[in-house]
Amino acid sequence: MERRTIGAAALAVGAIGLGCMPMSWAYSSSRQRGEESVRAVHRALDLGSTLLDTADMYGPFTNELLVGRVLKERRQDAFVSTKVGLLVGEQHIVANGRPGYVKRACDASLRRLQTDVIDLYQLHRADPEVPVEETWGAMAELVQAGKVRALGLCAMGARGGRRLGTRLHDATIRQLQRVQQVFPVSAVQAELSVWSPEALEALLPWCEARGVGFLAAMPLGNGFLTGTLTPGEGFEPDDVRARHPRFTAEMMASNQPIVVGLRRIAARHGDSVTPAQVALAWVLAQGRHVVAVPGAKRERWVAENAGADAVRLTAADLAEVAELPGARGSWD
C-alpha cells in the first residue's frame, strides 16, 4: 500500500487506515464480535493499513483493550492513534481537559493498548472549562516524557451549533492556531467524504499549507456510500445512525443518486471495483497529506477498503463526483 506521511515528524502510515470504533461502540452492538474484530485488525496490518485509530471513550475503554490484544503481538507493524478528552457517562458525554487528568488518561491508555508509546495522541474535544493551551501543554509533556510521539486534534462537531455566517471548521481552525503556539500539531482528524466535503473549504488547505496531516474520518459516510444499506431497513437503537438526520428512510432514499453515481464510476474501473472503493479513492485524491480512516469490523470490509489504494480516479471521474447532488438531511 502507498505510504503517506503525517506532520513535520514525517510519521509514515498506509494511505488507508482502520477506524476501530465500530468494533465495540456506536454501531449495532448485536453485530460486534471480539474475535472477528481481532482478525480484522490483523488483516488490516497484513494489507498495509497500519494506522489503527481508537479512543479511550470507545466502549468506553473496550476498544483500546481490543486493539491492545493485537499490539501485544504486532506492535512494530502498527501505527497507533488514540484520543483523550471525553468521558462517557450513563446518558451523556462530557469533556475533561484538565492537565492532571490528561496525564492519567494517557497512562491508562498505554496499559490497555499494551504498549509503551502512543504514535499519535489526539485531543478528542477541548474542555470549555480549561484553556486549550493548558490541555495541549500537558499533552506536549507526554511527548517530552517519551510516552507519545506526536499530537493531533479532532475537529469540533455540532454542525448546527456554529454561528450564522461562519464556516463549519472556523472554530477548529481557531483552536489549531492557539495550540500550534504551544506545540506542533502533527495531524487533524475531521469528517471528509463525497457527501460531507466541507473540510475542503478551509480546514484541508490550512493543514496542507502547514505540513499537517489530515485524517479523513467517516470517508464512507457512516456506511451509506458503500451502497449496501437499504432505505427503511432501520437501525438498532444503540446505533448512531438511528438518530442521524441523513439516515431516515426518506433521506436515504433521496440520497441514492450519490451511490448510483459512485457505482457508475466504479463500473468503468472494472467489475471488481465497488462504490466504497471509489469513495475512498476520491478522499485520497484530495491531497498527499490525506489519510482515509474508514471504520470496519470484519475482514471482508477491511480488505475491500484496502483495495481502494489501487483505484486511480481520472480527472473525468473527479469532475463527475463534483457534479453529484449534495446530500440531503444534514444538520443545516
C-alpha atoms as a PDB file:
ATOM      1  CA  MET A   1       0.000   0.000   0.000  1.00  0.00           C
ATOM      2  CA  GLU A   2       1.088   3.563  -0.679  1.00  0.00           C
ATOM      3  CA  ARG A   3       2.696   5.200   2.350  1.00  0.00           C
ATOM      4  CA  ARG A   4       1.865   8.744   3.371  1.00  0.00           C
ATOM      5  CA  THR A   5       3.440  10.988   5.982  1.00  0.00           C
ATOM      6  CA  ILE A   6       1.787  12.714   8.939  1.00  0.00           C
ATOM      7  CA  GLY A   7       3.100  16.057  10.114  1.00  0.00           C
ATOM      8  CA  ALA A   8       6.553  17.561  10.319  1.00  0.00           C
ATOM      9  CA  ALA A   9       7.838  14.459  12.083  1.00  0.00           C
ATOM     10  CA  ALA A  10       7.199  12.558   8.834  1.00  0.00           C
ATOM     11  CA  LEU A  11       5.410   9.663  10.528  1.00  0.00           C
ATOM     12  CA  ALA A  12       4.735   7.138   7.760  1.00  0.00           C
ATOM     13  CA  VAL A  13       1.443   5.237   7.557  1.00  0.00           C
ATOM     14  CA  GLY A  14      -0.567   3.374   4.956  1.00  0.00           C
ATOM     15  CA  ALA A  15      -2.771   5.688   2.878  1.00  0.00           C
ATOM     16  CA  ILE A  16      -5.836   3.827   4.149  1.00  0.00           C
ATOM     17  CA  GLY A  17      -6.072   3.223   7.867  1.00  0.00           C
ATOM     18  CA  LEU A  18      -8.560   1.387  10.056  1.00  0.00           C
ATOM     19  CA  GLY A  19     -11.129   3.055  12.260  1.00  0.00           C
ATOM     20  CA  CYS A  20     -11.662   0.613  15.112  1.00  0.00           C
ATOM     21  CA  MET A  21     -14.644   2.296  16.792  1.00  0.00           C
ATOM     22  CA  PRO A  22     -17.365   0.156  15.096  1.00  0.00           C
ATOM     23  CA  MET A  23     -15.834  -2.945  16.651  1.00  0.00           C
ATOM     24  CA  SER A  24     -17.092  -2.034  20.103  1.00  0.00           C
ATOM     25  CA  TRP A  25     -19.022   1.237  20.133  1.00  0.00           C
ATOM     26  CA  ALA A  26     -21.582   3.478  18.371  1.00  0.00           C
ATOM     27  CA  TYR A  27     -22.811   0.910  15.835  1.00  0.00           C
ATOM     28  CA  SER A  28     -25.125  -2.104  16.166  1.00  0.00           C
ATOM     29  CA  SER A  29     -23.999  -3.950  19.277  1.00  0.00           C
ATOM     30  CA  SER A  30     -25.554  -7.251  18.141  1.00  0.00           C
ATOM     31  CA  ARG A  31     -23.028  -7.361  15.288  1.00  0.00           C
ATOM     32  CA  GLN A  32     -19.963  -6.735  17.436  1.00  0.00           C
ATOM     33  CA  ARG A  33     -17.832  -9.844  17.901  1.00  0.00           C
ATOM     34  CA  GLY A  34     -14.461  -9.517  19.561  1.00  0.00           C
ATOM     35  CA  GLU A  35     -12.644 -12.425  17.932  1.00  0.00           C
ATOM     36  CA  GLU A  36     -13.865 -11.440  14.481  1.00  0.00           C
ATOM     37  CA  SER A  37     -12.704  -7.880  15.080  1.00  0.00           C
ATOM     38  CA  VAL A  38      -9.272  -9.040  16.223  1.00  0.00           C
ATOM     39  CA  ARG A  39      -8.918 -10.944  12.963  1.00  0.00           C
ATOM     40  CA  ALA A  40      -9.956  -7.815  11.072  1.00  0.00           C
ATOM     41  CA  VAL A  41      -7.192  -5.777  12.739  1.00  0.00           C
ATOM     42  CA  HIS A  42      -4.623  -8.433  11.851  1.00  0.00           C
ATOM     43  CA  ARG A  43      -5.895  -8.414   8.264  1.00  0.00           C
ATOM     44  CA  ALA A  44      -5.560  -4.648   8.070  1.00  0.00           C
ATOM     45  CA  LEU A  45      -1.933  -4.813   9.162  1.00  0.00           C
ATOM     46  CA  ASP A  46      -1.255  -7.594   6.667  1.00  0.00           C
ATOM     47  CA  LEU A  47      -2.590  -5.358   3.880  1.00  0.00           C
ATOM     48  CA  GLY A  48      -0.595  -2.290   4.891  1.00  0.00           C
ATOM     49  CA  SER A  49      -3.384  -0.403   6.674  1.00  0.00           C
ATOM     50  CA  THR A  50      -1.025   0.400   9.502  1.00  0.00           C
ATOM     51  CA  LEU A  51      -2.868   3.296  11.184  1.00  0.00           C
ATOM     52  CA  LEU A  52      -5.185   1.917  13.856  1.00  0.00           C
ATOM     53  CA  ASP A  53      -7.493   4.634  15.154  1.00  0.00           C
ATOM     54  CA  THR A  54      -9.182   4.233  18.535  1.00  0.00           C
ATOM     55  CA  ALA A  55     -10.064   6.284  21.650  1.00  0.00           C
ATOM     56  CA  ASP A  56     -10.404   5.722  25.355  1.00  0.00           C
ATOM     57  CA  MET A  57     -14.106   6.693  25.206  1.00  0.00           C
ATOM     58  CA  TYR A  58     -14.997   3.960  22.690  1.00  0.00           C
ATOM     59  CA  GLY A  59     -16.718   1.337  24.797  1.00  0.00           C
ATOM     60  CA  PRO A  60     -15.629   3.095  26.971  1.00  0.00           C
ATOM     61  CA  PHE A  61     -12.174   1.512  27.189  1.00  0.00           C
ATOM     62  CA  THR A  62     -13.072  -1.786  25.479  1.00  0.00           C
ATOM     63  CA  ASN A  63     -11.908  -0.635  22.054  1.00  0.00           C
ATOM     64  CA  GLU A  64      -8.404   0.103  23.311  1.00  0.00           C
ATOM     65  CA  LEU A  65      -8.356  -3.276  25.048  1.00  0.00           C
ATOM     66  CA  LEU A  66      -9.270  -4.983  21.767  1.00  0.00           C
ATOM     67  CA  VAL A  67      -6.575  -3.144  19.814  1.00  0.00           C
ATOM     68  CA  GLY A  68      -4.115  -3.925  22.591  1.00  0.00           C
ATOM     69  CA  ARG A  69      -4.606  -7.663  22.009  1.00  0.00           C
ATOM     70  CA  VAL A  70      -3.208  -7.216  18.510  1.00  0.00           C
ATOM     71  CA  LEU A  71      -0.482  -4.771  19.513  1.00  0.00           C
ATOM     72  CA  LYS A  72       0.854  -7.247  22.052  1.00  0.00           C
ATOM     73  CA  GLU A  73       1.824  -9.454  19.102  1.00  0.00           C
ATOM     74  CA  ARG A  74       2.431  -6.911  16.315  1.00  0.00           C
ATOM     75  CA  ARG A  75       3.435  -3.567  17.777  1.00  0.00           C
ATOM     76  CA  GLN A  76       6.132  -2.994  15.161  1.00  0.00           C
ATOM     77  CA  ASP A  77       3.610  -3.367  12.329  1.00  0.00           C
ATOM     78  CA  ALA A  78       1.169  -0.764  13.621  1.00  0.00           C
ATOM     79  CA  PHE A  79       0.842   2.998  13.942  1.00  0.00           C
ATOM     80  CA  VAL A  80      -1.338   3.613  17.000  1.00  0.00           C
ATOM     81  CA  SER A  81      -3.634   6.604  17.252  1.00  0.00           C
ATOM     82  CA  THR A  82      -5.833   7.112  20.285  1.00  0.00           C
ATOM     83  CA  LYS A  83      -7.677  10.058  21.801  1.00  0.00           C
ATOM     84  CA  VAL A  84      -8.260  11.792  25.125  1.00  0.00           C
ATOM     85  CA  GLY A  85     -10.596  14.453  26.426  1.00  0.00           C
ATOM     86  CA  LEU A  86     -14.074  12.926  26.586  1.00  0.00           C
ATOM     87  CA  LEU A  87     -15.699  10.989  29.419  1.00  0.00           C
ATOM     88  CA  VAL A  88     -18.710   8.754  28.856  1.00  0.00           C
ATOM     89  CA  GLY A  89     -21.479   8.710  31.485  1.00  0.00           C
ATOM     90  CA  GLU A  90     -24.777   6.845  31.635  1.00  0.00           C
ATOM     91  CA  GLN A  91     -26.637   9.240  29.358  1.00  0.00           C
ATOM     92  CA  HIS A  92     -24.078  11.880  28.474  1.00  0.00           C
ATOM     93  CA  ILE A  93     -20.575  12.669  27.284  1.00  0.00           C
ATOM     94  CA  VAL A  94     -18.523  15.433  28.922  1.00  0.00           C
ATOM     95  CA  ALA A  95     -15.147  16.968  28.140  1.00  0.00           C
ATOM     96  CA  ASN A  96     -12.225  16.850  30.569  1.00  0.00           C
ATOM     97  CA  GLY A  97      -9.097  18.719  29.580  1.00  0.00           C
ATOM     98  CA  ARG A  98      -7.510  19.152  32.984  1.00  0.00           C
ATOM     99  CA  PRO A  99      -3.751  18.520  32.719  1.00  0.00           C
ATOM    100  CA  GLY A 100      -3.680  16.015  35.572  1.00  0.00           C
ATOM    101  CA  TYR A 101      -6.495  14.012  34.030  1.00  0.00           C
ATOM    102  CA  VAL A 102      -4.838  14.001  30.599  1.00  0.00           C
ATOM    103  CA  LYS A 103      -1.659  12.508  32.047  1.00  0.00           C
ATOM    104  CA  ARG A 104      -3.543   9.831  33.993  1.00  0.00           C
ATOM    105  CA  ALA A 105      -5.648   9.002  30.949  1.00  0.00           C
ATOM    106  CA  CYS A 106      -2.530   8.547  28.828  1.00  0.00           C
ATOM    107  CA  ASP A 107      -1.045   6.088  31.307  1.00  0.00           C
ATOM    108  CA  ALA A 108      -4.325   4.154  31.339  1.00  0.00           C
ATOM    109  CA  SER A 109      -4.423   4.039  27.530  1.00  0.00           C
ATOM    110  CA  LEU A 110      -0.852   2.763  27.417  1.00  0.00           C
ATOM    111  CA  ARG A 111      -1.804  -0.085  29.749  1.00  0.00           C
ATOM    112  CA  ARG A 112      -4.892  -1.030  27.759  1.00  0.00           C
ATOM    113  CA  LEU A 113      -3.041  -0.835  24.452  1.00  0.00           C
ATOM    114  CA  GLN A 114      -0.177  -2.916  25.869  1.00  0.00           C
ATOM    115  CA  THR A 115       2.462  -0.564  24.519  1.00  0.00           C
ATOM    116  CA  ASP A 116       4.981   1.877  25.956  1.00  0.00           C
ATOM    117  CA  VAL A 117       4.350   4.646  23.413  1.00  0.00           C
ATOM    118  CA  ILE A 118       1.380   6.080  21.510  1.00  0.00           C
ATOM    119  CA  ASP A 119       2.278   7.185  17.992  1.00  0.00           C
ATOM    120  CA  LEU A 120      -0.418   9.869  17.711  1.00  0.00           C
ATOM    121  CA  TYR A 121      -2.286  11.206  20.747  1.00  0.00           C
ATOM    122  CA  GLN A 122      -5.310  13.251  19.737  1.00  0.00           C
ATOM    123  CA  LEU A 123      -7.396  15.727  21.697  1.00  0.00           C
ATOM    124  CA  HIS A 124     -10.930  14.467  21.110  1.00  0.00           C
ATOM    125  CA  ARG A 125     -12.631  17.686  22.227  1.00  0.00           C
ATOM    126  CA  ALA A 126     -11.437  20.773  24.074  1.00  0.00           C
ATOM    127  CA  ASP A 127     -12.832  21.317  27.549  1.00  0.00           C
ATOM    128  CA  PRO A 128     -14.737  24.638  27.656  1.00  0.00           C
ATOM    129  CA  GLU A 129     -13.727  24.988  31.326  1.00  0.00           C
ATOM    130  CA  VAL A 130      -9.989  24.660  30.658  1.00  0.00           C
ATOM    131  CA  PRO A 131      -7.906  26.833  28.303  1.00  0.00           C
ATOM    132  CA  VAL A 132      -6.990  24.582  25.404  1.00  0.00           C
ATOM    133  CA  GLU A 133      -3.362  25.707  25.741  1.00  0.00           C
ATOM    134  CA  GLU A 134      -3.210  24.094  29.187  1.00  0.00           C
ATOM    135  CA  THR A 135      -4.570  20.790  27.901  1.00  0.00           C
ATOM    136  CA  TRP A 136      -2.220  20.864  24.918  1.00  0.00           C
ATOM    137  CA  GLY A 137       0.716  21.717  27.165  1.00  0.00           C
ATOM    138  CA  ALA A 138       0.043  18.608  29.247  1.00  0.00           C
ATOM    139  CA  MET A 139      -0.079  16.554  26.058  1.00  0.00           C
ATOM    140  CA  ALA A 140       3.228  18.084  24.951  1.00  0.00           C
ATOM    141  CA  GLU A 141       4.777  16.999  28.240  1.00  0.00           C
ATOM    142  CA  LEU A 142       3.768  13.434  27.369  1.00  0.00           C
ATOM    143  CA  VAL A 143       5.813  13.748  24.164  1.00  0.00           C
ATOM    144  CA  GLN A 144       8.777  15.014  26.145  1.00  0.00           C
ATOM    145  CA  ALA A 145       8.368  12.086  28.543  1.00  0.00           C
ATOM    146  CA  GLY A 146       8.563   9.607  25.657  1.00  0.00           C
ATOM    147  CA  LYS A 147       5.019   8.311  26.144  1.00  0.00           C
ATOM    148  CA  VAL A 148       3.685   9.906  22.940  1.00  0.00           C
ATOM    149  CA  ARG A 149       5.360  10.548  19.586  1.00  0.00           C
ATOM    150  CA  ALA A 150       3.097  13.224  18.069  1.00  0.00           C
ATOM    151  CA  LEU A 151      -0.069  15.203  18.802  1.00  0.00           C
ATOM    152  CA  GLY A 152      -3.288  15.625  16.862  1.00  0.00           C
ATOM    153  CA  LEU A 153      -6.576  17.475  17.183  1.00  0.00           C
ATOM    154  CA  CYS A 154     -10.053  16.250  16.277  1.00  0.00           C
ATOM    155  CA  ALA A 155     -12.281  18.803  14.586  1.00  0.00           C
ATOM    156  CA  MET A 156     -15.189  20.148  16.560  1.00  0.00           C
ATOM    157  CA  GLY A 157     -18.587  18.684  15.759  1.00  0.00           C
ATOM    158  CA  ALA A 158     -22.024  20.237  16.252  1.00  0.00           C
ATOM    159  CA  ARG A 159     -22.651  21.391  12.700  1.00  0.00           C
ATOM    160  CA  GLY A 160     -25.881  23.083  13.720  1.00  0.00           C
ATOM    161  CA  GLY A 161     -24.242  24.859  16.656  1.00  0.00           C
ATOM    162  CA  ARG A 162     -21.984  27.226  14.733  1.00  0.00           C
ATOM    163  CA  ARG A 163     -22.679  30.923  14.455  1.00  0.00           C
ATOM    164  CA  LEU A 164     -24.585  32.283  11.477  1.00  0.00           C
ATOM    165  CA  GLY A 165     -22.236  33.222   8.660  1.00  0.00           C
ATOM    166  CA  THR A 166     -19.323  31.076   9.814  1.00  0.00           C
ATOM    167  CA  ARG A 167     -17.908  28.025   8.091  1.00  0.00           C
ATOM    168  CA  LEU A 168     -18.132  24.572   9.619  1.00  0.00           C
ATOM    169  CA  HIS A 169     -14.485  24.394  10.682  1.00  0.00           C
ATOM    170  CA  ASP A 170     -13.780  28.015  11.619  1.00  0.00           C
ATOM    171  CA  ALA A 171     -13.843  27.200  15.356  1.00  0.00           C
ATOM    172  CA  THR A 172     -11.481  24.267  14.848  1.00  0.00           C
ATOM    173  CA  ILE A 173      -9.037  26.443  12.917  1.00  0.00           C
ATOM    174  CA  ARG A 174      -9.050  28.968  15.760  1.00  0.00           C
ATOM    175  CA  GLN A 175      -8.228  26.161  18.191  1.00  0.00           C
ATOM    176  CA  LEU A 176      -5.443  24.936  15.926  1.00  0.00           C
ATOM    177  CA  GLN A 177      -3.922  28.399  15.750  1.00  0.00           C
ATOM    178  CA  ARG A 178      -3.870  28.552  19.547  1.00  0.00           C
ATOM    179  CA  VAL A 179      -2.357  25.138  20.235  1.00  0.00           C
ATOM    180  CA  GLN A 180       0.163  25.473  17.422  1.00  0.00           C
ATOM    181  CA  GLN A 181       1.811  28.200  19.518  1.00  0.00           C
ATOM    182  CA  VAL A 182       2.371  25.670  22.320  1.00  0.00           C
ATOM    183  CA  PHE A 183       3.498  22.542  20.468  1.00  0.00           C
ATOM    184  CA  PRO A 184       3.337  21.453  16.806  1.00  0.00           C
ATOM    185  CA  VAL A 185       0.141  19.848  15.522  1.00  0.00           C
ATOM    186  CA  SER A 186       1.007  16.740  13.509  1.00  0.00           C
ATOM    187  CA  ALA A 187      -2.488  15.762  12.388  1.00  0.00           C
ATOM    188  CA  VAL A 188      -6.087  16.904  12.283  1.00  0.00           C
ATOM    189  CA  GLN A 189      -8.930  14.410  12.175  1.00  0.00           C
ATOM    190  CA  ALA A 190     -12.231  15.505  10.649  1.00  0.00           C
ATOM    191  CA  GLU A 191     -15.074  14.121   8.598  1.00  0.00           C
ATOM    192  CA  LEU A 192     -14.415  14.108   4.858  1.00  0.00           C
ATOM    193  CA  SER A 193     -16.335  12.181   2.239  1.00  0.00           C
ATOM    194  CA  VAL A 194     -18.153  12.541  -1.050  1.00  0.00           C
ATOM    195  CA  TRP A 195     -21.316  13.510   0.809  1.00  0.00           C
ATOM    196  CA  SER A 196     -19.578  15.601   3.502  1.00  0.00           C
ATOM    197  CA  PRO A 197     -16.895  17.610   1.662  1.00  0.00           C
ATOM    198  CA  GLU A 198     -16.952  20.708   3.905  1.00  0.00           C
ATOM    199  CA  ALA A 199     -13.351  20.238   5.067  1.00  0.00           C
ATOM    200  CA  LEU A 200     -12.194  21.080   1.539  1.00  0.00           C
ATOM    201  CA  GLU A 201     -13.249  24.694   2.021  1.00  0.00           C
ATOM    202  CA  ALA A 202     -10.800  25.793   4.697  1.00  0.00           C
ATOM    203  CA  LEU A 203      -9.598  23.042   7.040  1.00  0.00           C
ATOM    204  CA  LEU A 204      -7.821  20.881   4.468  1.00  0.00           C
ATOM    205  CA  PRO A 205      -5.994  23.862   2.910  1.00  0.00           C
ATOM    206  CA  TRP A 206      -4.978  25.019   6.409  1.00  0.00           C
ATOM    207  CA  CYS A 207      -3.383  21.639   7.066  1.00  0.00           C
ATOM    208  CA  GLU A 208      -1.698  21.422   3.668  1.00  0.00           C
ATOM    209  CA  ALA A 209      -0.147  24.878   3.993  1.00  0.00           C
ATOM    210  CA  ARG A 210       1.451  23.895   7.315  1.00  0.00           C
ATOM    211  CA  GLY A 211       2.540  20.336   6.595  1.00  0.00           C
ATOM    212  CA  VAL A 212      -0.108  18.945   8.931  1.00  0.00           C
ATOM    213  CA  GLY A 213      -1.525  15.508   8.160  1.00  0.00           C
ATOM    214  CA  PHE A 214      -5.266  15.135   7.630  1.00  0.00           C
ATOM    215  CA  LEU A 215      -7.064  12.016   8.866  1.00  0.00           C
ATOM    216  CA  ALA A 216     -10.327  11.682   6.970  1.00  0.00           C
ATOM    217  CA  ALA A 217     -12.931  10.333   9.368  1.00  0.00           C
ATOM    218  CA  MET A 218     -16.137   8.707   8.111  1.00  0.00           C
ATOM    219  CA  PRO A 219     -14.907   8.613   4.480  1.00  0.00           C
ATOM    220  CA  LEU A 220     -17.690   6.145   3.658  1.00  0.00           C
ATOM    221  CA  GLY A 221     -20.434   8.313   5.120  1.00  0.00           C
ATOM    222  CA  ASN A 222     -21.176   6.005   8.067  1.00  0.00           C
ATOM    223  CA  GLY A 223     -21.619   3.179   5.566  1.00  0.00           C
ATOM    224  CA  PHE A 224     -24.039   4.942   3.216  1.00  0.00           C
ATOM    225  CA  LEU A 225     -21.522   5.374   0.399  1.00  0.00           C
ATOM    226  CA  THR A 226     -20.871   1.623   0.276  1.00  0.00           C
ATOM    227  CA  GLY A 227     -24.255   1.112  -1.351  1.00  0.00           C
ATOM    228  CA  THR A 228     -25.004  -1.787   0.998  1.00  0.00           C
ATOM    229  CA  LEU A 229     -27.626  -0.056   3.181  1.00  0.00           C
ATOM    230  CA  THR A 230     -31.329  -0.340   2.368  1.00  0.00           C
ATOM    231  CA  PRO A 231     -33.561   2.697   2.966  1.00  0.00           C
ATOM    232  CA  GLY A 232     -36.211   1.916   5.557  1.00  0.00           C
ATOM    233  CA  GLU A 233     -34.417  -1.138   6.896  1.00  0.00           C
ATOM    234  CA  GLY A 234     -33.820   0.686  10.161  1.00  0.00           C
ATOM    235  CA  PHE A 235     -31.041   0.567  12.746  1.00  0.00           C
ATOM    236  CA  GLU A 236     -30.713  -0.804  16.254  1.00  0.00           C
ATOM    237  CA  PRO A 237     -31.471   1.770  18.985  1.00  0.00           C
ATOM    238  CA  ASP A 238     -27.820   1.983  20.082  1.00  0.00           C
ATOM    239  CA  ASP A 239     -26.623   2.667  16.514  1.00  0.00           C
ATOM    240  CA  VAL A 240     -25.651   6.320  15.985  1.00  0.00           C
ATOM    241  CA  ARG A 241     -27.354   6.245  12.598  1.00  0.00           C
ATOM    242  CA  ALA A 242     -30.736   5.727  14.259  1.00  0.00           C
ATOM    243  CA  ARG A 243     -30.566   9.413  15.270  1.00  0.00           C
ATOM    244  CA  HIS A 244     -28.669  10.755  12.256  1.00  0.00           C
ATOM    245  CA  PRO A 245     -30.705  13.154  10.072  1.00  0.00           C
ATOM    246  CA  ARG A 246     -29.367  11.598   6.867  1.00  0.00           C
ATOM    247  CA  PHE A 247     -30.412   8.085   7.816  1.00  0.00           C
ATOM    248  CA  THR A 248     -34.159   8.410   7.944  1.00  0.00           C
ATOM    249  CA  ALA A 249     -35.833   6.239   5.298  1.00  0.00           C
ATOM    250  CA  GLU A 250     -36.865   9.360   3.358  1.00  0.00           C
ATOM    251  CA  MET A 251     -33.404  10.907   3.318  1.00  0.00           C
ATOM    252  CA  MET A 252     -31.643   7.639   2.480  1.00  0.00           C
ATOM    253  CA  ALA A 253     -33.943   7.218  -0.497  1.00  0.00           C
ATOM    254  CA  SER A 254     -33.448  10.805  -1.659  1.00  0.00           C
ATOM    255  CA  ASN A 255     -29.645  10.451  -1.444  1.00  0.00           C
ATOM    256  CA  GLN A 256     -29.468   7.300  -3.561  1.00  0.00           C
ATOM    257  CA  PRO A 257     -28.315   9.274  -6.665  1.00  0.00           C
ATOM    258  CA  ILE A 258     -24.973   9.769  -4.880  1.00  0.00           C
ATOM    259  CA  VAL A 259     -24.481   5.999  -4.595  1.00  0.00           C
ATOM    260  CA  VAL A 260     -25.679   5.499  -8.166  1.00  0.00           C
ATOM    261  CA  GLY A 261     -23.011   7.938  -9.345  1.00  0.00           C
ATOM    262  CA  LEU A 262     -20.271   6.157  -7.399  1.00  0.00           C
ATOM    263  CA  ARG A 263     -21.438   2.828  -8.762  1.00  0.00           C
ATOM    264  CA  ARG A 264     -21.316   4.196 -12.329  1.00  0.00           C
ATOM    265  CA  ILE A 265     -17.722   5.367 -11.866  1.00  0.00           C
ATOM    266  CA  ALA A 266     -16.758   2.047 -10.256  1.00  0.00           C
ATOM    267  CA  ALA A 267     -18.077   0.117 -13.264  1.00  0.00           C
ATOM    268  CA  ARG A 268     -15.693   1.982 -15.549  1.00  0.00           C
ATOM    269  CA  HIS A 269     -12.745   0.782 -13.436  1.00  0.00           C
ATOM    270  CA  GLY A 270     -13.615  -2.909 -13.550  1.00  0.00           C
ATOM    271  CA  ASP A 271     -16.164  -5.404 -12.349  1.00  0.00           C
ATOM    272  CA  SER A 272     -14.427  -5.875  -9.014  1.00  0.00           C
ATOM    273  CA  VAL A 273     -14.320  -2.172  -8.090  1.00  0.00           C
ATOM    274  CA  THR A 274     -17.011  -1.079  -5.628  1.00  0.00           C
ATOM    275  CA  PRO A 275     -18.689   2.260  -4.817  1.00  0.00           C
ATOM    276  CA  ALA A 276     -16.913   2.210  -1.453  1.00  0.00           C
ATOM    277  CA  GLN A 277     -13.539   1.986  -3.169  1.00  0.00           C
ATOM    278  CA  VAL A 278     -14.391   4.921  -5.423  1.00  0.00           C
ATOM    279  CA  ALA A 279     -15.455   6.937  -2.371  1.00  0.00           C
ATOM    280  CA  LEU A 280     -12.139   6.190  -0.648  1.00  0.00           C
ATOM    281  CA  ALA A 281     -10.127   6.889  -3.801  1.00  0.00           C
ATOM    282  CA  TRP A 282     -11.840  10.286  -4.004  1.00  0.00           C
ATOM    283  CA  VAL A 283     -10.717  11.076  -0.440  1.00  0.00           C
ATOM    284  CA  LEU A 284      -7.117  10.080  -1.211  1.00  0.00           C
ATOM    285  CA  ALA A 285      -7.183  12.258  -4.327  1.00  0.00           C
ATOM    286  CA  GLN A 286      -7.721  15.373  -2.204  1.00  0.00           C
ATOM    287  CA  GLY A 287      -4.052  15.626  -1.253  1.00  0.00           C
ATOM    288  CA  ARG A 288      -0.896  13.722  -0.454  1.00  0.00           C
ATOM    289  CA  HIS A 289      -1.276  14.684   3.210  1.00  0.00           C
ATOM    290  CA  VAL A 290      -4.672  12.943   3.443  1.00  0.00           C
ATOM    291  CA  VAL A 291      -5.097   9.500   5.032  1.00  0.00           C
ATOM    292  CA  ALA A 292      -8.508   7.830   4.848  1.00  0.00           C
ATOM    293  CA  VAL A 293      -9.676   6.165   8.068  1.00  0.00           C
ATOM    294  CA  PRO A 294     -12.755   4.057   7.267  1.00  0.00           C
ATOM    295  CA  GLY A 295     -14.325   2.151  10.116  1.00  0.00           C
ATOM    296  CA  ALA A 296     -14.746  -1.610   9.784  1.00  0.00           C
ATOM    297  CA  LYS A 297     -15.119  -4.657  11.965  1.00  0.00           C
ATOM    298  CA  ARG A 298     -14.892  -7.569   9.512  1.00  0.00           C
ATOM    299  CA  GLU A 299     -12.029  -8.868   7.424  1.00  0.00           C
ATOM    300  CA  ARG A 300     -14.128  -8.645   4.266  1.00  0.00           C
ATOM    301  CA  TRP A 301     -14.661  -4.912   4.583  1.00  0.00           C
ATOM    302  CA  VAL A 302     -11.087  -4.282   5.694  1.00  0.00           C
ATOM    303  CA  ALA A 303      -9.810  -5.987   2.541  1.00  0.00           C
ATOM    304  CA  GLU A 304     -12.242  -4.101   0.310  1.00  0.00           C
ATOM    305  CA  ASN A 305     -11.245  -0.779   1.835  1.00  0.00           C
ATOM    306  CA  ALA A 306      -7.532  -1.504   1.466  1.00  0.00           C
ATOM    307  CA  GLY A 307      -8.150  -2.343  -2.201  1.00  0.00           C
ATOM    308  CA  ALA A 308      -9.151   1.268  -2.832  1.00  0.00           C
ATOM    309  CA  ASP A 309      -5.450   2.118  -2.757  1.00  0.00           C
ATOM    310  CA  ALA A 310      -5.164   0.646  -6.249  1.00  0.00           C
ATOM    311  CA  VAL A 311      -8.049   2.698  -7.695  1.00  0.00           C
ATOM    312  CA  ARG A 312      -6.807   5.793  -9.521  1.00  0.00           C
ATOM    313  CA  LEU A 313      -9.582   8.202 -10.424  1.00  0.00           C
ATOM    314  CA  THR A 314      -9.237  10.196 -13.629  1.00  0.00           C
ATOM    315  CA  ALA A 315      -9.891  13.897 -14.000  1.00  0.00           C
ATOM    316  CA  ALA A 316     -13.197  12.969 -15.616  1.00  0.00           C
ATOM    317  CA  ASP A 317     -14.083  10.768 -12.626  1.00  0.00           C
ATOM    318  CA  LEU A 318     -13.340  13.576 -10.180  1.00  0.00           C
ATOM    319  CA  ALA A 319     -15.374  16.020 -12.249  1.00  0.00           C
ATOM    320  CA  GLU A 320     -18.281  13.576 -12.227  1.00  0.00           C
ATOM    321  CA  VAL A 321     -18.114  13.261  -8.451  1.00  0.00           C
ATOM    322  CA  ALA A 322     -18.120  17.039  -8.181  1.00  0.00           C
ATOM    323  CA  GLU A 323     -21.369  17.121 -10.170  1.00  0.00           C
ATOM    324  CA  LEU A 324     -23.182  14.645  -7.918  1.00  0.00           C
ATOM    325  CA  PRO A 325     -26.068  16.180  -5.953  1.00  0.00           C
ATOM    326  CA  GLY A 326     -25.351  17.377  -2.445  1.00  0.00           C
ATOM    327  CA  ALA A 327     -26.533  15.228   0.433  1.00  0.00           C
ATOM    328  CA  ARG A 328     -29.961  15.980   1.891  1.00  0.00           C
ATOM    329  CA  GLY A 329     -30.901  15.701   5.534  1.00  0.00           C
ATOM    330  CA  SER A 330     -27.903  17.495   7.014  1.00  0.00           C
ATOM    331  CA  TRP A 331     -27.899  19.399  10.289  1.00  0.00           C
ATOM    332  CA  ASP A 332     -28.017  22.731   8.474  1.00  0.00           C
END
